[in-house]
Amino acid sequence: MEKLLGKLFWIYLTLQLAWLPAFSYEDELVLKGGVNAGRMEITGFNGSEDNSGGVGFNTHFGYKWTKWEFALSSYIYYGKVDQLAFQGNSSQINGNGSFRHVSFGPLLKYLTDYQPFKNYNFYFGGGPSWSLQTIKLEDFRVVSGEFKRQHKLTYRSFGGLLVFGIEEQMAFKQQHPVYVEFVYSYMAASKVSVVDAGDFSDTNILSESKPGQSIETWFWMISAGIALF
C-alpha cells in the first residue's frame, strides 16, 4: 500500500510540474533586461538624412498584474552617422561619426490570450519617452562657426514608442521567462548642446540652444531578454 501511495504521489507531482509553464506569475515586482538590434533613421540640418544599423541594451523595472504590466523602461542604442549636417548654436558642421541614444520612460503593456507558440503569449504596449542623443564626429568639415575635434553634439529629445512581442509564461519569475519584441520609436529634438569632451573627468557645456530646424530620429529594433529577478 505504501509503495502504491508513493507512486501516486510522484505521478501527481510530475503532472503538477508539467502544468507549471501554463500559468504565469502575477502581482509581483520584476526586473527584465536584454539586448537590441535594429536600424535608425535620422534627419539632420538642411534636409540631410542617414540610416544605419546598430545594437544596444534594454531594461525594464516594474509591476506585473495578470494581464497588465507597468514598467520604467530604458533603451540604449549605439550606431553610426554618415554625411550628415548638424548645427549647434552658431556652428554648422558636416561629417561622419558615432551615435549613442539613451531613452527612458514609462511603458504600459497588455498581455493577450493569443499564443503564436505554446506557452508564449502575444503582448503590445506603448508610452512616452525622453532621450539624450550624443554624436561624436570623427571626420567632419566646419561650414561656419567653430567646432573642434574634442567637441561633441548632444540632443535632448522627446517622443514615444510602441512595442509588440511575445513573452514566455512561467509560474515563477525565478524561472527567468524570456521575451522577444519589436520596438518602434520616434524622437524629436528640443534642445541641442555643444559639449567639450576633451577632459573625461569634467563635462563642459559650451553652448545650448533650440534646434534651428526639426531634428527627428526613428528607430526600428528587435529586443530580446529575460526576467532577471
C-alpha atoms as a PDB file:
ATOM      1  CA  MET A   1       0.000   0.000   0.000  1.00  0.00           C
ATOM      2  CA  GLU A   2       2.816   2.419   0.889  1.00  0.00           C
ATOM      3  CA  LYS A   3       4.535   1.716  -2.439  1.00  0.00           C
ATOM      4  CA  LEU A   4       1.283   2.407  -4.306  1.00  0.00           C
ATOM      5  CA  LEU A   5       0.751   5.686  -2.430  1.00  0.00           C
ATOM      6  CA  GLY A   6       4.364   6.636  -3.170  1.00  0.00           C
ATOM      7  CA  LYS A   7       3.909   6.019  -6.877  1.00  0.00           C
ATOM      8  CA  LEU A   8       0.650   8.006  -6.931  1.00  0.00           C
ATOM      9  CA  PHE A   9       2.372  10.908  -5.164  1.00  0.00           C
ATOM     10  CA  TRP A  10       5.190  11.030  -7.726  1.00  0.00           C
ATOM     11  CA  ILE A  11       2.704  10.801 -10.601  1.00  0.00           C
ATOM     12  CA  TYR A  12       0.729  13.714  -9.097  1.00  0.00           C
ATOM     13  CA  LEU A  13       3.903  15.786  -8.577  1.00  0.00           C
ATOM     14  CA  THR A  14       5.066  15.116 -12.129  1.00  0.00           C
ATOM     15  CA  LEU A  15       1.723  16.220 -13.546  1.00  0.00           C
ATOM     16  CA  GLN A  16       1.776  19.396 -11.456  1.00  0.00           C
ATOM     17  CA  LEU A  17       5.268  20.300 -12.644  1.00  0.00           C
ATOM     18  CA  ALA A  18       4.285  19.596 -16.235  1.00  0.00           C
ATOM     19  CA  TRP A  19       1.438  22.107 -15.941  1.00  0.00           C
ATOM     20  CA  LEU A  20       3.511  24.876 -14.328  1.00  0.00           C
ATOM     21  CA  PRO A  21       4.523  26.677 -17.552  1.00  0.00           C
ATOM     22  CA  ALA A  22       0.852  27.122 -18.478  1.00  0.00           C
ATOM     23  CA  PHE A  23       0.372  29.650 -15.681  1.00  0.00           C
ATOM     24  CA  SER A  24       2.110  32.988 -15.333  1.00  0.00           C
ATOM     25  CA  TYR A  25       3.317  34.732 -12.200  1.00  0.00           C
ATOM     26  CA  GLU A  26       1.341  37.853 -11.222  1.00  0.00           C
ATOM     27  CA  ASP A  27       1.171  40.705  -8.682  1.00  0.00           C
ATOM     28  CA  GLU A  28       4.954  40.982  -8.398  1.00  0.00           C
ATOM     29  CA  LEU A  29       7.759  43.439  -8.987  1.00  0.00           C
ATOM     30  CA  VAL A  30      10.058  42.305 -11.787  1.00  0.00           C
ATOM     31  CA  LEU A  31      13.314  43.424 -13.397  1.00  0.00           C
ATOM     32  CA  LYS A  32      13.916  42.466 -17.025  1.00  0.00           C
ATOM     33  CA  GLY A  33      16.851  43.062 -19.312  1.00  0.00           C
ATOM     34  CA  GLY A  34      18.214  42.139 -22.702  1.00  0.00           C
ATOM     35  CA  VAL A  35      19.796  43.251 -25.973  1.00  0.00           C
ATOM     36  CA  ASN A  36      18.628  45.179 -29.061  1.00  0.00           C
ATOM     37  CA  ALA A  37      19.490  45.161 -32.741  1.00  0.00           C
ATOM     38  CA  GLY A  38      17.923  47.324 -35.407  1.00  0.00           C
ATOM     39  CA  ARG A  39      18.065  50.362 -37.635  1.00  0.00           C
ATOM     40  CA  MET A  40      17.940  54.097 -37.087  1.00  0.00           C
ATOM     41  CA  GLU A  41      16.927  56.891 -39.443  1.00  0.00           C
ATOM     42  CA  ILE A  42      17.886  60.457 -38.548  1.00  0.00           C
ATOM     43  CA  THR A  43      17.271  63.796 -40.262  1.00  0.00           C
ATOM     44  CA  GLY A  44      19.918  66.460 -39.771  1.00  0.00           C
ATOM     45  CA  PHE A  45      20.329  70.110 -40.724  1.00  0.00           C
ATOM     46  CA  ASN A  46      19.377  71.388 -44.227  1.00  0.00           C
ATOM     47  CA  GLY A  47      17.428  68.229 -45.066  1.00  0.00           C
ATOM     48  CA  SER A  48      20.375  65.832 -44.723  1.00  0.00           C
ATOM     49  CA  GLU A  49      19.478  62.321 -43.565  1.00  0.00           C
ATOM     50  CA  ASP A  50      21.045  58.956 -42.875  1.00  0.00           C
ATOM     51  CA  ASN A  51      20.059  55.450 -41.778  1.00  0.00           C
ATOM     52  CA  SER A  52      22.259  52.742 -40.335  1.00  0.00           C
ATOM     53  CA  GLY A  53      22.214  49.622 -38.190  1.00  0.00           C
ATOM     54  CA  GLY A  54      23.171  49.399 -34.547  1.00  0.00           C
ATOM     55  CA  VAL A  55      22.992  47.421 -31.319  1.00  0.00           C
ATOM     56  CA  GLY A  56      22.258  48.123 -27.665  1.00  0.00           C
ATOM     57  CA  PHE A  57      20.566  47.098 -24.431  1.00  0.00           C
ATOM     58  CA  ASN A  58      17.163  47.374 -22.781  1.00  0.00           C
ATOM     59  CA  THR A  59      15.998  47.252 -19.151  1.00  0.00           C
ATOM     60  CA  HIS A  60      12.513  47.251 -17.598  1.00  0.00           C
ATOM     61  CA  PHE A  61      11.654  47.578 -13.907  1.00  0.00           C
ATOM     62  CA  GLY A  62       8.016  47.494 -12.938  1.00  0.00           C
ATOM     63  CA  TYR A  63       4.981  45.666 -11.616  1.00  0.00           C
ATOM     64  CA  LYS A  64       3.141  42.816 -13.325  1.00  0.00           C
ATOM     65  CA  TRP A  65      -0.534  42.047 -12.794  1.00  0.00           C
ATOM     66  CA  THR A  66      -2.406  39.222 -14.543  1.00  0.00           C
ATOM     67  CA  LYS A  67      -2.819  40.975 -17.887  1.00  0.00           C
ATOM     68  CA  TRP A  68      -1.183  44.366 -17.421  1.00  0.00           C
ATOM     69  CA  GLU A  69       2.388  45.378 -16.739  1.00  0.00           C
ATOM     70  CA  PHE A  70       3.710  48.854 -15.925  1.00  0.00           C
ATOM     71  CA  ALA A  71       7.454  49.465 -16.094  1.00  0.00           C
ATOM     72  CA  LEU A  72      10.054  52.192 -16.228  1.00  0.00           C
ATOM     73  CA  SER A  73      11.881  51.212 -19.402  1.00  0.00           C
ATOM     74  CA  SER A  74      15.207  52.207 -20.884  1.00  0.00           C
ATOM     75  CA  TYR A  75      16.660  51.561 -24.346  1.00  0.00           C
ATOM     76  CA  ILE A  76      20.319  52.168 -25.249  1.00  0.00           C
ATOM     77  CA  TYR A  77      21.387  52.188 -28.894  1.00  0.00           C
ATOM     78  CA  TYR A  78      24.846  52.527 -30.493  1.00  0.00           C
ATOM     79  CA  GLY A  79      25.206  53.306 -34.187  1.00  0.00           C
ATOM     80  CA  LYS A  80      26.927  55.443 -36.835  1.00  0.00           C
ATOM     81  CA  VAL A  81      26.045  58.585 -38.793  1.00  0.00           C
ATOM     82  CA  ASP A  82      27.373  59.305 -42.267  1.00  0.00           C
ATOM     83  CA  GLN A  83      27.407  62.555 -44.256  1.00  0.00           C
ATOM     84  CA  LEU A  84      25.017  64.465 -42.004  1.00  0.00           C
ATOM     85  CA  ALA A  85      24.825  68.218 -41.459  1.00  0.00           C
ATOM     86  CA  PHE A  86      24.493  69.465 -37.877  1.00  0.00           C
ATOM     87  CA  GLN A  87      24.008  72.839 -36.275  1.00  0.00           C
ATOM     88  CA  GLY A  88      24.990  73.704 -32.716  1.00  0.00           C
ATOM     89  CA  ASN A  89      24.435  77.309 -31.662  1.00  0.00           C
ATOM     90  CA  SER A  90      26.397  79.345 -34.264  1.00  0.00           C
ATOM     91  CA  SER A  91      28.311  76.370 -35.716  1.00  0.00           C
ATOM     92  CA  GLN A  92      27.365  74.286 -38.736  1.00  0.00           C
ATOM     93  CA  ILE A  93      29.233  71.014 -39.330  1.00  0.00           C
ATOM     94  CA  ASN A  94      29.103  68.248 -41.931  1.00  0.00           C
ATOM     95  CA  GLY A  95      30.603  64.875 -41.135  1.00  0.00           C
ATOM     96  CA  ASN A  96      30.638  61.239 -40.023  1.00  0.00           C
ATOM     97  CA  GLY A  97      30.858  59.761 -36.563  1.00  0.00           C
ATOM     98  CA  SER A  98      29.408  57.625 -33.797  1.00  0.00           C
ATOM     99  CA  PHE A  99      25.882  57.928 -32.440  1.00  0.00           C
ATOM    100  CA  ARG A 100      24.592  56.998 -28.983  1.00  0.00           C
ATOM    101  CA  HIS A 101      20.959  57.072 -27.897  1.00  0.00           C
ATOM    102  CA  VAL A 102      19.702  56.621 -24.327  1.00  0.00           C
ATOM    103  CA  SER A 103      15.944  56.793 -23.728  1.00  0.00           C
ATOM    104  CA  PHE A 104      13.854  56.452 -20.566  1.00  0.00           C
ATOM    105  CA  GLY A 105      10.136  56.488 -19.847  1.00  0.00           C
ATOM    106  CA  PRO A 106       7.037  54.683 -18.541  1.00  0.00           C
ATOM    107  CA  LEU A 107       5.796  51.728 -20.575  1.00  0.00           C
ATOM    108  CA  LEU A 108       2.356  50.126 -20.195  1.00  0.00           C
ATOM    109  CA  LYS A 109       1.880  46.654 -21.712  1.00  0.00           C
ATOM    110  CA  TYR A 110      -1.144  44.369 -22.113  1.00  0.00           C
ATOM    111  CA  LEU A 111      -0.772  40.580 -22.275  1.00  0.00           C
ATOM    112  CA  THR A 112      -3.315  38.917 -24.573  1.00  0.00           C
ATOM    113  CA  ASP A 113      -4.581  35.321 -24.576  1.00  0.00           C
ATOM    114  CA  TYR A 114      -3.254  34.713 -28.095  1.00  0.00           C
ATOM    115  CA  GLN A 115      -0.398  32.176 -28.209  1.00  0.00           C
ATOM    116  CA  PRO A 116       1.521  32.042 -31.520  1.00  0.00           C
ATOM    117  CA  PHE A 117       3.683  29.373 -29.838  1.00  0.00           C
ATOM    118  CA  LYS A 118       2.959  27.104 -26.898  1.00  0.00           C
ATOM    119  CA  ASN A 119       3.302  28.992 -23.582  1.00  0.00           C
ATOM    120  CA  TYR A 120       4.254  32.220 -25.407  1.00  0.00           C
ATOM    121  CA  ASN A 121       1.588  34.927 -25.256  1.00  0.00           C
ATOM    122  CA  PHE A 122       1.406  37.966 -27.516  1.00  0.00           C
ATOM    123  CA  TYR A 123       1.520  41.435 -25.906  1.00  0.00           C
ATOM    124  CA  PHE A 124       1.529  45.054 -27.016  1.00  0.00           C
ATOM    125  CA  GLY A 125       2.111  48.389 -25.347  1.00  0.00           C
ATOM    126  CA  GLY A 126       3.457  51.902 -25.555  1.00  0.00           C
ATOM    127  CA  GLY A 127       4.341  55.075 -23.744  1.00  0.00           C
ATOM    128  CA  PRO A 128       6.138  58.453 -23.863  1.00  0.00           C
ATOM    129  CA  SER A 129       9.919  58.607 -23.935  1.00  0.00           C
ATOM    130  CA  TRP A 130      12.654  61.124 -23.144  1.00  0.00           C
ATOM    131  CA  SER A 131      16.121  60.690 -24.601  1.00  0.00           C
ATOM    132  CA  LEU A 132      19.637  62.062 -24.780  1.00  0.00           C
ATOM    133  CA  GLN A 133      21.356  61.530 -28.124  1.00  0.00           C
ATOM    134  CA  THR A 134      25.105  62.063 -28.448  1.00  0.00           C
ATOM    135  CA  ILE A 135      27.033  62.442 -31.711  1.00  0.00           C
ATOM    136  CA  LYS A 136      30.842  62.331 -31.679  1.00  0.00           C
ATOM    137  CA  LEU A 137      32.121  63.353 -35.116  1.00  0.00           C
ATOM    138  CA  GLU A 138      35.297  61.627 -36.291  1.00  0.00           C
ATOM    139  CA  ASP A 139      35.580  63.063 -39.802  1.00  0.00           C
ATOM    140  CA  PHE A 140      33.961  66.468 -40.311  1.00  0.00           C
ATOM    141  CA  ARG A 141      34.096  69.832 -42.053  1.00  0.00           C
ATOM    142  CA  VAL A 142      33.208  73.099 -40.321  1.00  0.00           C
ATOM    143  CA  VAL A 143      30.948  75.180 -42.605  1.00  0.00           C
ATOM    144  CA  SER A 144      30.590  78.092 -40.191  1.00  0.00           C
ATOM    145  CA  GLY A 145      31.459  78.914 -36.606  1.00  0.00           C
ATOM    146  CA  GLU A 146      33.920  76.966 -34.510  1.00  0.00           C
ATOM    147  CA  PHE A 147      33.882  73.226 -33.780  1.00  0.00           C
ATOM    148  CA  LYS A 148      36.899  71.236 -32.580  1.00  0.00           C
ATOM    149  CA  ARG A 149      37.732  67.528 -32.638  1.00  0.00           C
ATOM    150  CA  GLN A 150      37.210  67.159 -28.869  1.00  0.00           C
ATOM    151  CA  HIS A 151      33.706  68.626 -29.139  1.00  0.00           C
ATOM    152  CA  LYS A 152      30.530  66.568 -29.412  1.00  0.00           C
ATOM    153  CA  LEU A 153      26.861  67.314 -30.034  1.00  0.00           C
ATOM    154  CA  THR A 154      24.058  66.251 -27.693  1.00  0.00           C
ATOM    155  CA  TYR A 155      20.337  66.415 -28.410  1.00  0.00           C
ATOM    156  CA  ARG A 156      17.616  66.301 -25.762  1.00  0.00           C
ATOM    157  CA  SER A 157      14.595  64.735 -27.409  1.00  0.00           C
ATOM    158  CA  PHE A 158      11.021  63.758 -26.618  1.00  0.00           C
ATOM    159  CA  GLY A 159       8.769  61.249 -28.328  1.00  0.00           C
ATOM    160  CA  GLY A 160       7.197  57.859 -27.798  1.00  0.00           C
ATOM    161  CA  LEU A 161       7.449  54.187 -28.572  1.00  0.00           C
ATOM    162  CA  LEU A 162       5.269  51.197 -29.416  1.00  0.00           C
ATOM    163  CA  VAL A 163       6.126  47.577 -28.649  1.00  0.00           C
ATOM    164  CA  PHE A 164       4.726  44.278 -29.966  1.00  0.00           C
ATOM    165  CA  GLY A 165       6.077  40.976 -28.747  1.00  0.00           C
ATOM    166  CA  ILE A 166       5.723  37.539 -27.208  1.00  0.00           C
ATOM    167  CA  GLU A 167       6.603  36.521 -23.658  1.00  0.00           C
ATOM    168  CA  GLU A 168       7.093  33.079 -22.157  1.00  0.00           C
ATOM    169  CA  GLN A 169       4.532  32.198 -19.486  1.00  0.00           C
ATOM    170  CA  MET A 170       6.107  30.647 -16.405  1.00  0.00           C
ATOM    171  CA  ALA A 171       4.750  30.027 -12.906  1.00  0.00           C
ATOM    172  CA  PHE A 172       7.572  31.942 -11.220  1.00  0.00           C
ATOM    173  CA  LYS A 173       9.740  34.836 -12.365  1.00  0.00           C
ATOM    174  CA  GLN A 174      12.707  32.943 -10.842  1.00  0.00           C
ATOM    175  CA  GLN A 175      12.366  30.592 -13.820  1.00  0.00           C
ATOM    176  CA  HIS A 176      13.540  33.551 -15.945  1.00  0.00           C
ATOM    177  CA  PRO A 177      10.870  33.674 -18.684  1.00  0.00           C
ATOM    178  CA  VAL A 178      12.109  35.188 -21.942  1.00  0.00           C
ATOM    179  CA  TYR A 179      10.591  37.808 -24.232  1.00  0.00           C
ATOM    180  CA  VAL A 180      11.122  38.933 -27.831  1.00  0.00           C
ATOM    181  CA  GLU A 181       9.633  42.198 -29.060  1.00  0.00           C
ATOM    182  CA  PHE A 182       9.562  44.618 -31.976  1.00  0.00           C
ATOM    183  CA  VAL A 183      10.084  48.272 -30.956  1.00  0.00           C
ATOM    184  CA  TYR A 184       9.163  51.349 -32.979  1.00  0.00           C
ATOM    185  CA  SER A 185      10.245  54.716 -31.598  1.00  0.00           C
ATOM    186  CA  TYR A 186      10.061  58.330 -32.777  1.00  0.00           C
ATOM    187  CA  MET A 187      12.000  61.203 -31.176  1.00  0.00           C
ATOM    188  CA  ALA A 188      12.148  64.947 -31.952  1.00  0.00           C
ATOM    189  CA  ALA A 189      14.965  67.126 -30.577  1.00  0.00           C
ATOM    190  CA  SER A 190      14.007  70.004 -28.285  1.00  0.00           C
ATOM    191  CA  LYS A 191      17.482  71.289 -27.374  1.00  0.00           C
ATOM    192  CA  VAL A 192      20.984  70.916 -28.808  1.00  0.00           C
ATOM    193  CA  SER A 193      24.237  71.369 -26.874  1.00  0.00           C
ATOM    194  CA  VAL A 194      27.888  71.546 -27.853  1.00  0.00           C
ATOM    195  CA  VAL A 195      29.995  69.784 -25.222  1.00  0.00           C
ATOM    196  CA  ASP A 196      33.749  69.791 -24.712  1.00  0.00           C
ATOM    197  CA  ALA A 197      34.644  66.115 -24.193  1.00  0.00           C
ATOM    198  CA  GLY A 198      38.401  66.655 -24.080  1.00  0.00           C
ATOM    199  CA  ASP A 199      38.583  66.118 -20.316  1.00  0.00           C
ATOM    200  CA  PHE A 200      36.728  62.914 -19.324  1.00  0.00           C
ATOM    201  CA  SER A 201      36.720  63.966 -15.647  1.00  0.00           C
ATOM    202  CA  ASP A 202      34.847  67.216 -16.354  1.00  0.00           C
ATOM    203  CA  THR A 203      31.994  67.746 -18.826  1.00  0.00           C
ATOM    204  CA  ASN A 204      31.951  71.343 -20.060  1.00  0.00           C
ATOM    205  CA  ILE A 205      28.813  72.527 -21.893  1.00  0.00           C
ATOM    206  CA  LEU A 206      29.942  75.203 -24.350  1.00  0.00           C
ATOM    207  CA  SER A 207      26.521  76.225 -25.667  1.00  0.00           C
ATOM    208  CA  GLU A 208      22.828  75.305 -25.554  1.00  0.00           C
ATOM    209  CA  SER A 209      20.106  76.309 -27.973  1.00  0.00           C
ATOM    210  CA  LYS A 210      16.931  75.152 -29.646  1.00  0.00           C
ATOM    211  CA  PRO A 211      17.433  73.279 -32.937  1.00  0.00           C
ATOM    212  CA  GLY A 212      17.462  75.553 -35.971  1.00  0.00           C
ATOM    213  CA  GLN A 213      15.007  73.148 -37.593  1.00  0.00           C
ATOM    214  CA  SER A 214      13.350  69.834 -36.833  1.00  0.00           C
ATOM    215  CA  ILE A 215      15.851  67.075 -35.893  1.00  0.00           C
ATOM    216  CA  GLU A 216      13.958  63.763 -35.965  1.00  0.00           C
ATOM    217  CA  THR A 217      15.004  60.179 -35.271  1.00  0.00           C
ATOM    218  CA  TRP A 218      13.167  56.917 -35.962  1.00  0.00           C
ATOM    219  CA  PHE A 219      14.117  53.515 -34.561  1.00  0.00           C
ATOM    220  CA  TRP A 220      13.078  50.004 -35.599  1.00  0.00           C
ATOM    221  CA  MET A 221      14.514  47.434 -33.202  1.00  0.00           C
ATOM    222  CA  ILE A 222      14.203  43.789 -32.247  1.00  0.00           C
ATOM    223  CA  SER A 223      14.721  43.351 -28.496  1.00  0.00           C
ATOM    224  CA  ALA A 224      15.148  40.095 -26.611  1.00  0.00           C
ATOM    225  CA  GLY A 225      15.715  39.405 -22.935  1.00  0.00           C
ATOM    226  CA  ILE A 226      14.729  37.591 -19.747  1.00  0.00           C
ATOM    227  CA  ALA A 227      13.229  38.295 -16.331  1.00  0.00           C
ATOM    228  CA  LEU A 228      16.292  38.743 -14.124  1.00  0.00           C
ATOM    229  CA  PHE A 229      14.559  38.820 -10.705  1.00  0.00           C
END
